[in-house]
Amino acid sequence: MPSQHAKNIALTEKWYHWVDELVASGEYKSVSEVMRDGLRALELRREHHELELSEIRTRISISLEQADSEKFAKGSGEDAINRAFKQALQSNNQ
């Protein structure tokens, strides 16, 4: 696929050799493919991070609304934190 927009980048020696190894091994056809794959991975990681932050903000907002309505969780603060972590782990495993 011909590039419409070319960029020159500087790599440390470590990355330079690793990219060459990936191409030489046949895993990628070109350095450009390696870079595009890396950028896609970065994009996905950032999107995932934004979704996690959005979920945290939503949970905080709900918690503040509940506190304003004096709807408090039963038990100690530690119990509430443990329940929150348990729910988060269950959500991530689904």
N, C-alpha and C. Protein backbone atom coordinates (compact mmCIF):
# COMPACT_ATOMS: atom_id res chain seq x y z
N MET A 1 0.84 -1.16 0.00
CA MET A 1 0.00 0.00 0.00
C MET A 1 0.90 1.24 0.00
N PRO A 2 0.83 2.07 -1.03
CA PRO A 2 1.66 3.27 -1.07
C PRO A 2 1.24 4.27 0.00
N SER A 3 2.23 4.92 0.57
CA SER A 3 1.97 5.89 1.63
C SER A 3 1.63 7.24 1.02
N GLN A 4 0.56 7.84 1.53
CA GLN A 4 0.22 9.19 1.09
C GLN A 4 0.91 10.22 1.97
N HIS A 5 1.23 9.84 3.19
CA HIS A 5 1.87 10.74 4.14
C HIS A 5 3.05 10.03 4.77
N ALA A 6 4.23 10.52 4.51
CA ALA A 6 5.43 9.90 5.07
C ALA A 6 5.93 10.72 6.24
N LYS A 7 6.43 10.03 7.26
CA LYS A 7 7.03 10.66 8.44
C LYS A 7 8.37 10.01 8.67
N ASN A 8 9.32 10.79 9.05
CA ASN A 8 10.60 10.25 9.48
C ASN A 8 10.59 10.19 11.00
N ILE A 9 11.02 9.08 11.55
CA ILE A 9 11.06 8.95 13.00
C ILE A 9 12.44 8.51 13.43
N ALA A 10 12.78 8.86 14.65
CA ALA A 10 14.07 8.43 15.21
C ALA A 10 13.79 7.36 16.26
N LEU A 11 14.50 6.25 16.16
CA LEU A 11 14.34 5.16 17.11
C LEU A 11 15.62 4.98 17.90
N THR A 12 15.47 4.57 19.14
CA THR A 12 16.67 4.21 19.90
C THR A 12 17.24 2.94 19.26
N GLU A 13 18.46 2.63 19.60
CA GLU A 13 19.10 1.45 19.03
C GLU A 13 18.30 0.19 19.35
N LYS A 14 17.78 0.11 20.56
CA LYS A 14 16.98 -1.05 20.98
C LYS A 14 15.78 -1.25 20.05
N TRP A 15 15.00 -0.19 19.81
CA TRP A 15 13.80 -0.30 18.98
C TRP A 15 14.17 -0.53 17.52
N TYR A 16 15.24 0.12 17.07
CA TYR A 16 15.70 -0.03 15.70
C TYR A 16 15.99 -1.50 15.39
N HIS A 17 16.73 -2.16 16.27
CA HIS A 17 17.07 -3.58 16.05
C HIS A 17 15.85 -4.48 16.19
N TRP A 18 15.00 -4.17 17.13
CA TRP A 18 13.81 -5.00 17.33
C TRP A 18 12.89 -4.94 16.12
N VAL A 19 12.68 -3.73 15.59
CA VAL A 19 11.84 -3.58 14.40
C VAL A 19 12.45 -4.36 13.23
N ASP A 20 13.75 -4.25 13.06
CA ASP A 20 14.42 -5.01 12.01
C ASP A 20 14.24 -6.51 12.19
N GLU A 21 14.33 -6.98 13.44
CA GLU A 21 14.13 -8.41 13.72
C GLU A 21 12.72 -8.85 13.36
N LEU A 22 11.74 -8.03 13.68
CA LEU A 22 10.34 -8.38 13.37
C LEU A 22 10.14 -8.52 11.86
N VAL A 23 10.75 -7.64 11.11
CA VAL A 23 10.64 -7.70 9.64
C VAL A 23 11.43 -8.89 9.11
N ALA A 24 12.64 -9.08 9.61
CA ALA A 24 13.49 -10.19 9.13
C ALA A 24 12.86 -11.55 9.43
N SER A 25 12.13 -11.65 10.54
CA SER A 25 11.51 -12.93 10.91
C SER A 25 10.31 -13.25 10.03
N GLY A 26 9.84 -12.25 9.27
CA GLY A 26 8.67 -12.47 8.42
C GLY A 26 7.36 -12.17 9.11
N GLU A 27 7.42 -11.78 10.38
CA GLU A 27 6.18 -11.44 11.10
C GLU A 27 5.51 -10.22 10.47
N TYR A 28 6.31 -9.31 9.97
CA TYR A 28 5.82 -8.12 9.27
C TYR A 28 6.55 -8.02 7.95
N LYS A 29 5.89 -7.43 6.95
CA LYS A 29 6.50 -7.28 5.64
C LYS A 29 7.39 -6.05 5.55
N SER A 30 7.14 -5.06 6.42
CA SER A 30 7.92 -3.83 6.34
C SER A 30 7.94 -3.12 7.70
N VAL A 31 8.85 -2.17 7.80
CA VAL A 31 8.93 -1.34 9.00
C VAL A 31 7.62 -0.56 9.18
N SER A 32 7.05 -0.12 8.08
CA SER A 32 5.79 0.62 8.15
C SER A 32 4.68 -0.21 8.78
N GLU A 33 4.64 -1.50 8.43
CA GLU A 33 3.63 -2.38 9.04
C GLU A 33 3.83 -2.49 10.54
N VAL A 34 5.08 -2.59 10.98
CA VAL A 34 5.39 -2.66 12.41
C VAL A 34 4.89 -1.40 13.09
N MET A 35 5.19 -0.26 12.51
CA MET A 35 4.80 1.01 13.12
C MET A 35 3.29 1.17 13.15
N ARG A 36 2.60 0.79 12.08
CA ARG A 36 1.14 0.89 12.07
C ARG A 36 0.52 -0.01 13.13
N ASP A 37 1.08 -1.23 13.27
CA ASP A 37 0.56 -2.15 14.28
C ASP A 37 0.78 -1.58 15.69
N GLY A 38 1.94 -0.99 15.91
CA GLY A 38 2.21 -0.36 17.20
C GLY A 38 1.27 0.80 17.47
N LEU A 39 0.98 1.59 16.46
CA LEU A 39 0.06 2.72 16.63
C LEU A 39 -1.36 2.24 16.90
N ARG A 40 -1.76 1.15 16.23
CA ARG A 40 -3.09 0.59 16.50
C ARG A 40 -3.18 0.11 17.95
N ALA A 41 -2.13 -0.54 18.44
CA ALA A 41 -2.11 -1.01 19.82
C ALA A 41 -2.19 0.17 20.79
N LEU A 42 -1.47 1.23 20.50
CA LEU A 42 -1.51 2.43 21.33
C LEU A 42 -2.90 3.04 21.32
N GLU A 43 -3.51 3.10 20.16
CA GLU A 43 -4.86 3.65 20.05
C GLU A 43 -5.86 2.83 20.87
N LEU A 44 -5.78 1.50 20.76
CA LEU A 44 -6.68 0.64 21.54
C LEU A 44 -6.46 0.81 23.04
N ARG A 45 -5.20 0.91 23.46
CA ARG A 45 -4.91 1.09 24.88
C ARG A 45 -5.48 2.40 25.39
N ARG A 46 -5.36 3.46 24.59
CA ARG A 46 -5.89 4.75 25.00
C ARG A 46 -7.41 4.73 25.05
N GLU A 47 -8.05 4.08 24.08
CA GLU A 47 -9.51 3.96 24.10
C GLU A 47 -9.97 3.20 25.33
N HIS A 48 -9.27 2.11 25.65
CA HIS A 48 -9.61 1.32 26.84
C HIS A 48 -9.45 2.16 28.10
N HIS A 49 -8.38 2.93 28.16
CA HIS A 49 -8.13 3.80 29.31
C HIS A 49 -9.26 4.84 29.45
N GLU A 50 -9.69 5.42 28.34
CA GLU A 50 -10.77 6.40 28.39
C GLU A 50 -12.07 5.77 28.86
N LEU A 51 -12.35 4.54 28.42
CA LEU A 51 -13.56 3.85 28.88
C LEU A 51 -13.49 3.58 30.38
N GLU A 52 -12.31 3.16 30.86
CA GLU A 52 -12.16 2.93 32.30
C GLU A 52 -12.36 4.21 33.09
N LEU A 53 -11.79 5.32 32.62
CA LEU A 53 -11.97 6.60 33.31
C LEU A 53 -13.43 7.03 33.31
N SER A 54 -14.11 6.81 32.20
CA SER A 54 -15.52 7.16 32.11
C SER A 54 -16.34 6.36 33.12
N GLU A 55 -16.03 5.07 33.24
CA GLU A 55 -16.74 4.22 34.20
C GLU A 55 -16.46 4.68 35.63
N ILE A 56 -15.24 5.04 35.92
CA ILE A 56 -14.89 5.53 37.26
C ILE A 56 -15.65 6.82 37.55
N ARG A 57 -15.68 7.73 36.59
CA ARG A 57 -16.40 8.99 36.79
C ARG A 57 -17.89 8.74 37.03
N THR A 58 -18.46 7.81 36.27
CA THR A 58 -19.88 7.48 36.45
C THR A 58 -20.13 6.91 37.84
N ARG A 59 -19.27 6.00 38.28
CA ARG A 59 -19.43 5.40 39.61
C ARG A 59 -19.28 6.45 40.71
N ILE A 60 -18.36 7.38 40.55
CA ILE A 60 -18.18 8.44 41.54
C ILE A 60 -19.42 9.32 41.57
N SER A 61 -19.94 9.66 40.41
CA SER A 61 -21.14 10.50 40.33
C SER A 61 -22.33 9.82 41.02
N ILE A 62 -22.50 8.54 40.75
CA ILE A 62 -23.59 7.79 41.39
C ILE A 62 -23.39 7.77 42.90
N SER A 63 -22.17 7.54 43.32
CA SER A 63 -21.87 7.50 44.76
C SER A 63 -22.16 8.84 45.42
N LEU A 64 -21.79 9.93 44.77
CA LEU A 64 -22.06 11.26 45.33
C LEU A 64 -23.56 11.53 45.42
N GLU A 65 -24.30 11.12 44.39
CA GLU A 65 -25.76 11.27 44.41
C GLU A 65 -26.36 10.46 45.56
N GLN A 66 -25.87 9.25 45.76
CA GLN A 66 -26.37 8.42 46.86
C GLN A 66 -26.04 9.05 48.20
N ALA A 67 -24.84 9.60 48.33
CA ALA A 67 -24.46 10.24 49.59
C ALA A 67 -25.33 11.46 49.85
N ASP A 68 -25.60 12.25 48.81
CA ASP A 68 -26.46 13.43 48.96
C ASP A 68 -27.87 13.03 49.38
N SER A 69 -28.31 11.84 48.94
CA SER A 69 -29.63 11.34 49.29
C SER A 69 -29.61 10.55 50.59
N GLU A 70 -28.43 10.52 51.23
CA GLU A 70 -28.21 9.78 52.47
C GLU A 70 -28.49 8.29 52.33
N LYS A 71 -28.17 7.77 51.16
CA LYS A 71 -28.28 6.33 50.90
C LYS A 71 -26.88 5.75 51.06
N PHE A 72 -26.56 5.37 52.25
CA PHE A 72 -25.22 4.88 52.55
C PHE A 72 -25.17 3.37 52.54
N ALA A 73 -24.02 2.83 52.18
CA ALA A 73 -23.83 1.38 52.17
C ALA A 73 -23.80 0.87 53.60
N LYS A 74 -24.26 -0.34 53.77
CA LYS A 74 -24.24 -0.96 55.09
C LYS A 74 -22.83 -1.43 55.40
N GLY A 75 -22.49 -1.42 56.67
CA GLY A 75 -21.19 -1.89 57.10
C GLY A 75 -20.18 -0.75 57.18
N SER A 76 -18.95 -1.12 57.36
CA SER A 76 -17.87 -0.14 57.48
C SER A 76 -17.43 0.35 56.11
N GLY A 77 -16.59 1.39 56.10
CA GLY A 77 -16.02 1.88 54.86
C GLY A 77 -15.20 0.80 54.17
N GLU A 78 -14.50 0.02 54.98
CA GLU A 78 -13.69 -1.08 54.43
C GLU A 78 -14.59 -2.10 53.73
N ASP A 79 -15.75 -2.40 54.33
CA ASP A 79 -16.70 -3.33 53.70
C ASP A 79 -17.16 -2.80 52.35
N ALA A 80 -17.46 -1.51 52.30
CA ALA A 80 -17.93 -0.90 51.05
C ALA A 80 -16.84 -0.95 49.98
N ILE A 81 -15.61 -0.68 50.38
CA ILE A 81 -14.49 -0.72 49.42
C ILE A 81 -14.30 -2.14 48.90
N ASN A 82 -14.37 -3.12 49.79
CA ASN A 82 -14.23 -4.52 49.36
C ASN A 82 -15.34 -4.91 48.39
N ARG A 83 -16.58 -4.46 48.65
CA ARG A 83 -17.68 -4.76 47.74
C ARG A 83 -17.44 -4.11 46.38
N ALA A 84 -16.95 -2.88 46.39
CA ALA A 84 -16.71 -2.16 45.13
C ALA A 84 -15.64 -2.87 44.30
N PHE A 85 -14.56 -3.31 44.96
CA PHE A 85 -13.52 -4.03 44.23
C PHE A 85 -14.04 -5.36 43.70
N LYS A 86 -14.85 -6.04 44.49
CA LYS A 86 -15.41 -7.32 44.06
C LYS A 86 -16.29 -7.12 42.82
N GLN A 87 -17.13 -6.07 42.84
CA GLN A 87 -17.99 -5.78 41.70
C GLN A 87 -17.15 -5.44 40.46
N ALA A 88 -16.11 -4.66 40.66
CA ALA A 88 -15.25 -4.27 39.53
C ALA A 88 -14.57 -5.49 38.92
N LEU A 89 -14.09 -6.40 39.76
CA LEU A 89 -13.45 -7.62 39.25
C LEU A 89 -14.45 -8.48 38.49
N GLN A 90 -15.67 -8.58 39.00
CA GLN A 90 -16.69 -9.37 38.32
C GLN A 90 -17.03 -8.75 36.97
N SER A 91 -17.11 -7.41 36.90
CA SER A 91 -17.40 -6.72 35.65
C SER A 91 -16.31 -6.97 34.62
N ASN A 92 -15.05 -6.95 35.07
CA ASN A 92 -13.93 -7.15 34.15
C ASN A 92 -13.85 -8.59 33.67
N ASN A 93 -14.34 -9.55 34.44
CA ASN A 93 -14.27 -10.96 34.06
C ASN A 93 -15.41 -11.39 33.15
N GLN A 94 -16.35 -10.52 32.93
CA GLN A 94 -17.50 -10.88 32.09
C GLN A 94 -17.30 -10.55 30.66
